[in-house]
Amino acid sequence: MDEIVQQAMRKWPDVPHCFGWLRLDARGAWRMRDERAQQLELAGEPIRHPALLAFIARNYGHDEQGRWYFQNGPQRVYVDIEWMPRILRTQPAANGATTLQLHTGEAFGAAEAAWMDEQGRLYLRAGDHLAGVDDRDLAQLLPALQAAPVAGTGSEEEALLRWLEGDDSISVQFCPGPQALPLQRVGAADIAQRFGFVARPRQA
């Protein structure tokens, strides 16, 4: 968190929190939502100013209740989460490999756990970072998914599709490197509860 933000918090500790005005979409874009956007349940206008985007990224965090916010000086601006609080994107490395980076610009590190929901969306955890993979980048990681076909499943691709449909006789692993991680199931409707965040924070 920026030092100037910490100073403002100490100087004005009782500024009311803000709800509903900032949204993180499923591809990691920040969107500003005015009163009309909130009333009509619109996504809001994307924020494009580089300095503001960097400021939000540096001062983005969560409280003990799992509500994510942007600390804007003394004011805490709570964020509506369209999908996940952190979004992962792929980045080409100098050696030709693919690295992962959070939408805030932070390096993700080596994945330690992997999940996929019934919609085919991929979730990864590395240390304290838990994030969903941007759907535009998912194709870069699909080769790391290895399904072990069993009798009657045909190709590896067909085996993966059957796993997505709930066939527990098929084993799928996520192998981005030398370590193979078992691919776990998660329900799309249950991700906020499963991963411990509040998708739509509102003032009590």
Protein backbone atom coordinates (compact mmCIF):
# COMPACT_ATOMS: atom_id res chain seq x y z
CA MET A 1 0.00 0.00 0.00
CA ASP A 2 1.28 3.48 -0.86
CA GLU A 3 2.74 5.47 2.04
CA ILE A 4 0.60 8.50 1.13
CA VAL A 5 -2.49 6.29 1.43
CA GLN A 6 -1.40 5.05 4.86
CA GLN A 7 -0.86 8.63 5.98
CA ALA A 8 -4.34 9.60 4.83
CA MET A 9 -5.85 6.66 6.69
CA ARG A 10 -4.13 7.74 9.90
CA LYS A 11 -5.20 11.37 9.43
CA TRP A 12 -8.84 10.61 8.56
CA PRO A 13 -9.67 7.23 10.12
CA ASP A 14 -13.47 7.55 10.03
CA VAL A 15 -14.23 8.29 6.37
CA PRO A 16 -17.34 6.28 5.30
CA HIS A 17 -16.73 3.33 3.01
CA CYS A 18 -17.95 3.37 -0.59
CA PHE A 19 -19.97 0.52 -2.13
CA GLY A 20 -21.10 -0.33 -5.65
CA TRP A 21 -19.02 2.18 -7.61
CA LEU A 22 -16.11 -0.04 -8.62
CA ARG A 23 -16.28 -3.41 -10.39
CA LEU A 24 -13.70 -5.97 -11.44
CA ASP A 25 -14.86 -7.84 -14.52
CA ALA A 26 -14.11 -11.44 -15.47
CA ARG A 27 -11.09 -10.40 -17.55
CA GLY A 28 -9.46 -8.30 -14.85
CA ALA A 29 -10.60 -4.87 -16.08
CA TRP A 30 -11.60 -2.22 -13.56
CA ARG A 31 -14.94 -0.56 -14.29
CA MET A 32 -16.40 2.61 -12.80
CA ARG A 33 -20.15 2.37 -12.16
CA ASP A 34 -22.12 5.58 -11.72
CA GLU A 35 -25.61 5.68 -10.19
CA ARG A 36 -27.27 4.85 -13.52
CA ALA A 37 -25.03 1.82 -14.07
CA GLN A 38 -25.78 0.61 -10.56
CA GLN A 39 -29.54 1.05 -10.92
CA LEU A 40 -29.64 -0.73 -14.29
CA GLU A 41 -27.12 -3.42 -13.27
CA LEU A 42 -24.73 -2.35 -16.05
CA ALA A 43 -21.06 -3.33 -16.10
CA GLY A 44 -19.84 0.26 -16.05
CA GLU A 45 -17.20 2.12 -18.01
CA PRO A 46 -13.68 0.63 -18.14
CA ILE A 47 -10.94 2.65 -16.45
CA ARG A 48 -8.13 3.23 -18.94
CA HIS A 49 -5.85 5.83 -17.32
CA PRO A 50 -2.51 4.03 -16.74
CA ALA A 51 -1.57 5.95 -13.57
CA LEU A 52 -4.99 5.34 -12.00
CA LEU A 53 -4.90 1.65 -12.90
CA ALA A 54 -1.47 1.32 -11.29
CA PHE A 55 -2.67 3.19 -8.19
CA ILE A 56 -5.66 0.86 -7.80
CA ALA A 57 -3.46 -2.21 -8.27
CA ARG A 58 -0.99 -1.09 -5.58
CA ASN A 59 -3.74 -0.42 -3.05
CA TYR A 60 -6.00 -3.41 -3.66
CA GLY A 61 -6.66 -5.82 -0.82
CA HIS A 62 -9.34 -7.49 1.27
CA ASP A 63 -10.73 -7.32 4.78
CA GLU A 64 -11.27 -10.13 7.28
CA GLN A 65 -14.74 -10.80 5.85
CA GLY A 66 -13.39 -11.54 2.38
CA ARG A 67 -14.59 -8.23 0.92
CA TRP A 68 -12.13 -6.82 -1.62
CA TYR A 69 -11.51 -3.10 -1.82
CA PHE A 70 -9.35 -0.34 -3.24
CA GLN A 71 -7.96 1.95 -0.54
CA ASN A 72 -8.39 5.41 -2.08
CA GLY A 73 -6.62 7.65 0.39
CA PRO A 74 -8.67 7.52 3.62
CA GLN A 75 -11.67 5.94 1.88
CA ARG A 76 -12.15 2.23 1.32
CA VAL A 77 -13.88 1.61 -2.03
CA TYR A 78 -15.34 -1.90 -1.99
CA VAL A 79 -15.27 -3.83 -5.26
CA ASP A 80 -18.04 -5.80 -6.92
CA ILE A 81 -16.47 -9.02 -8.22
CA GLU A 82 -17.91 -10.36 -11.49
CA TRP A 83 -15.99 -13.62 -11.25
CA MET A 84 -12.84 -13.83 -9.09
CA PRO A 85 -10.99 -11.19 -7.01
CA ARG A 86 -7.79 -11.93 -8.94
CA ILE A 87 -7.47 -12.72 -12.61
CA LEU A 88 -4.52 -14.53 -14.17
CA ARG A 89 -2.98 -13.78 -17.54
CA THR A 90 -0.21 -15.55 -19.40
CA GLN A 91 3.02 -13.78 -20.28
CA PRO A 92 5.75 -15.03 -22.63
CA ALA A 93 9.10 -15.54 -20.90
CA ALA A 94 12.51 -14.92 -22.44
CA ASN A 95 13.20 -18.66 -22.68
CA GLY A 96 10.02 -19.25 -24.65
CA ALA A 97 8.07 -20.58 -21.68
CA THR A 98 4.81 -19.14 -20.41
CA THR A 99 4.62 -17.37 -17.07
CA LEU A 100 1.57 -16.25 -15.12
CA GLN A 101 0.83 -12.73 -13.95
CA LEU A 102 -2.02 -11.36 -11.87
CA HIS A 103 -4.18 -8.59 -13.30
CA THR A 104 -2.55 -6.24 -10.79
CA GLY A 105 0.84 -6.85 -12.42
CA GLU A 106 2.22 -9.11 -9.67
CA ALA A 107 4.01 -12.32 -10.60
CA PHE A 108 1.95 -15.37 -9.71
CA GLY A 109 4.62 -17.97 -9.05
CA ALA A 110 4.43 -21.74 -9.42
CA ALA A 111 0.93 -23.20 -9.17
CA GLU A 112 0.34 -25.42 -6.14
CA ALA A 113 -3.32 -26.35 -6.71
CA ALA A 114 -5.74 -26.33 -9.63
CA TRP A 115 -9.52 -26.46 -10.03
CA MET A 116 -11.92 -26.37 -12.94
CA ASP A 117 -15.67 -25.71 -12.93
CA GLU A 118 -18.32 -27.26 -15.15
CA GLN A 119 -18.00 -24.31 -17.55
CA GLY A 120 -14.36 -25.17 -18.20
CA ARG A 121 -12.95 -22.19 -16.29
CA LEU A 122 -9.57 -22.79 -14.64
CA TYR A 123 -8.57 -21.67 -11.13
CA LEU A 124 -5.03 -21.78 -9.74
CA ARG A 125 -3.42 -21.20 -6.36
CA ALA A 126 0.19 -20.24 -5.67
CA GLY A 127 0.93 -19.42 -2.03
CA ASP A 128 -1.62 -16.84 -0.88
CA HIS A 129 -2.63 -16.03 -4.46
CA LEU A 130 -5.83 -17.66 -5.70
CA ALA A 131 -7.02 -16.58 -9.15
CA GLY A 132 -9.10 -17.46 -12.17
CA VAL A 133 -7.44 -17.68 -15.58
CA ASP A 134 -8.61 -15.07 -18.11
CA ASP A 135 -10.63 -16.95 -20.73
CA ARG A 136 -8.53 -15.38 -23.50
CA ASP A 137 -5.42 -17.01 -22.00
CA LEU A 138 -6.88 -20.41 -21.23
CA ALA A 139 -5.79 -21.86 -24.59
CA GLN A 140 -2.15 -21.28 -23.60
CA LEU A 141 -2.62 -23.57 -20.57
CA LEU A 142 -4.81 -26.30 -22.07
CA PRO A 143 -1.77 -28.39 -23.12
CA ALA A 144 -0.91 -28.65 -19.42
CA LEU A 145 -4.18 -30.50 -18.77
CA GLN A 146 -3.58 -34.22 -19.09
CA ALA A 147 -6.53 -36.58 -18.93
CA ALA A 148 -5.90 -40.30 -18.59
CA PRO A 149 -8.40 -42.04 -20.89
CA VAL A 150 -10.00 -45.20 -19.63
CA ALA A 151 -11.65 -47.91 -21.67
CA GLY A 152 -14.40 -46.49 -23.84
CA THR A 153 -13.44 -42.80 -23.51
CA GLY A 154 -11.45 -42.52 -26.74
CA SER A 155 -9.09 -39.56 -27.05
CA GLU A 156 -7.61 -37.43 -24.27
CA GLU A 157 -9.84 -34.55 -25.37
CA GLU A 158 -12.93 -36.72 -25.09
CA ALA A 159 -11.78 -37.90 -21.67
CA LEU A 160 -11.47 -34.29 -20.49
CA LEU A 161 -14.96 -33.50 -21.75
CA ARG A 162 -16.35 -36.49 -19.90
CA TRP A 163 -14.52 -35.39 -16.74
CA LEU A 164 -16.16 -31.96 -17.09
CA GLU A 165 -19.52 -33.70 -17.35
CA GLY A 166 -18.87 -35.41 -14.02
CA ASP A 167 -17.25 -38.72 -14.92
CA ASP A 168 -15.15 -39.50 -11.82
CA SER A 169 -13.62 -42.58 -13.41
CA ILE A 170 -11.33 -40.22 -15.34
CA SER A 171 -8.27 -38.65 -13.75
CA VAL A 172 -7.10 -35.22 -14.92
CA GLN A 173 -3.88 -33.48 -13.92
CA PHE A 174 -2.59 -29.97 -14.45
CA CYS A 175 1.09 -30.20 -15.42
CA PRO A 176 2.53 -26.72 -16.06
CA GLY A 177 6.03 -27.95 -15.17
CA PRO A 178 7.69 -30.95 -13.57
CA GLN A 179 5.06 -31.08 -10.83
CA ALA A 180 1.70 -32.67 -11.69
CA LEU A 181 -1.29 -31.29 -9.79
CA PRO A 182 -4.58 -33.18 -9.55
CA LEU A 183 -7.34 -31.14 -11.17
CA GLN A 184 -10.12 -30.64 -8.62
CA ARG A 185 -13.76 -29.87 -9.28
CA VAL A 186 -15.49 -26.69 -8.14
CA GLY A 187 -19.05 -25.61 -8.86
CA ALA A 188 -19.37 -22.32 -10.74
CA ALA A 189 -22.18 -21.23 -8.40
CA ASP A 190 -20.10 -22.02 -5.30
CA ILE A 191 -16.80 -20.27 -6.00
CA ALA A 192 -17.36 -17.32 -3.66
CA GLN A 193 -18.10 -19.61 -0.73
CA ARG A 194 -15.44 -22.15 -1.69
CA PHE A 195 -12.70 -19.56 -2.12
CA GLY A 196 -13.81 -17.25 0.69
CA PHE A 197 -14.75 -13.92 -0.86
CA VAL A 198 -17.80 -11.66 -1.05
CA ALA A 199 -18.80 -11.01 -4.65
CA ARG A 200 -21.07 -8.04 -3.94
CA PRO A 201 -20.10 -6.19 -0.75
CA ARG A 202 -22.76 -3.85 0.60
CA GLN A 203 -23.03 -1.71 3.67
CA ALA A 204 -24.94 -3.41 6.49
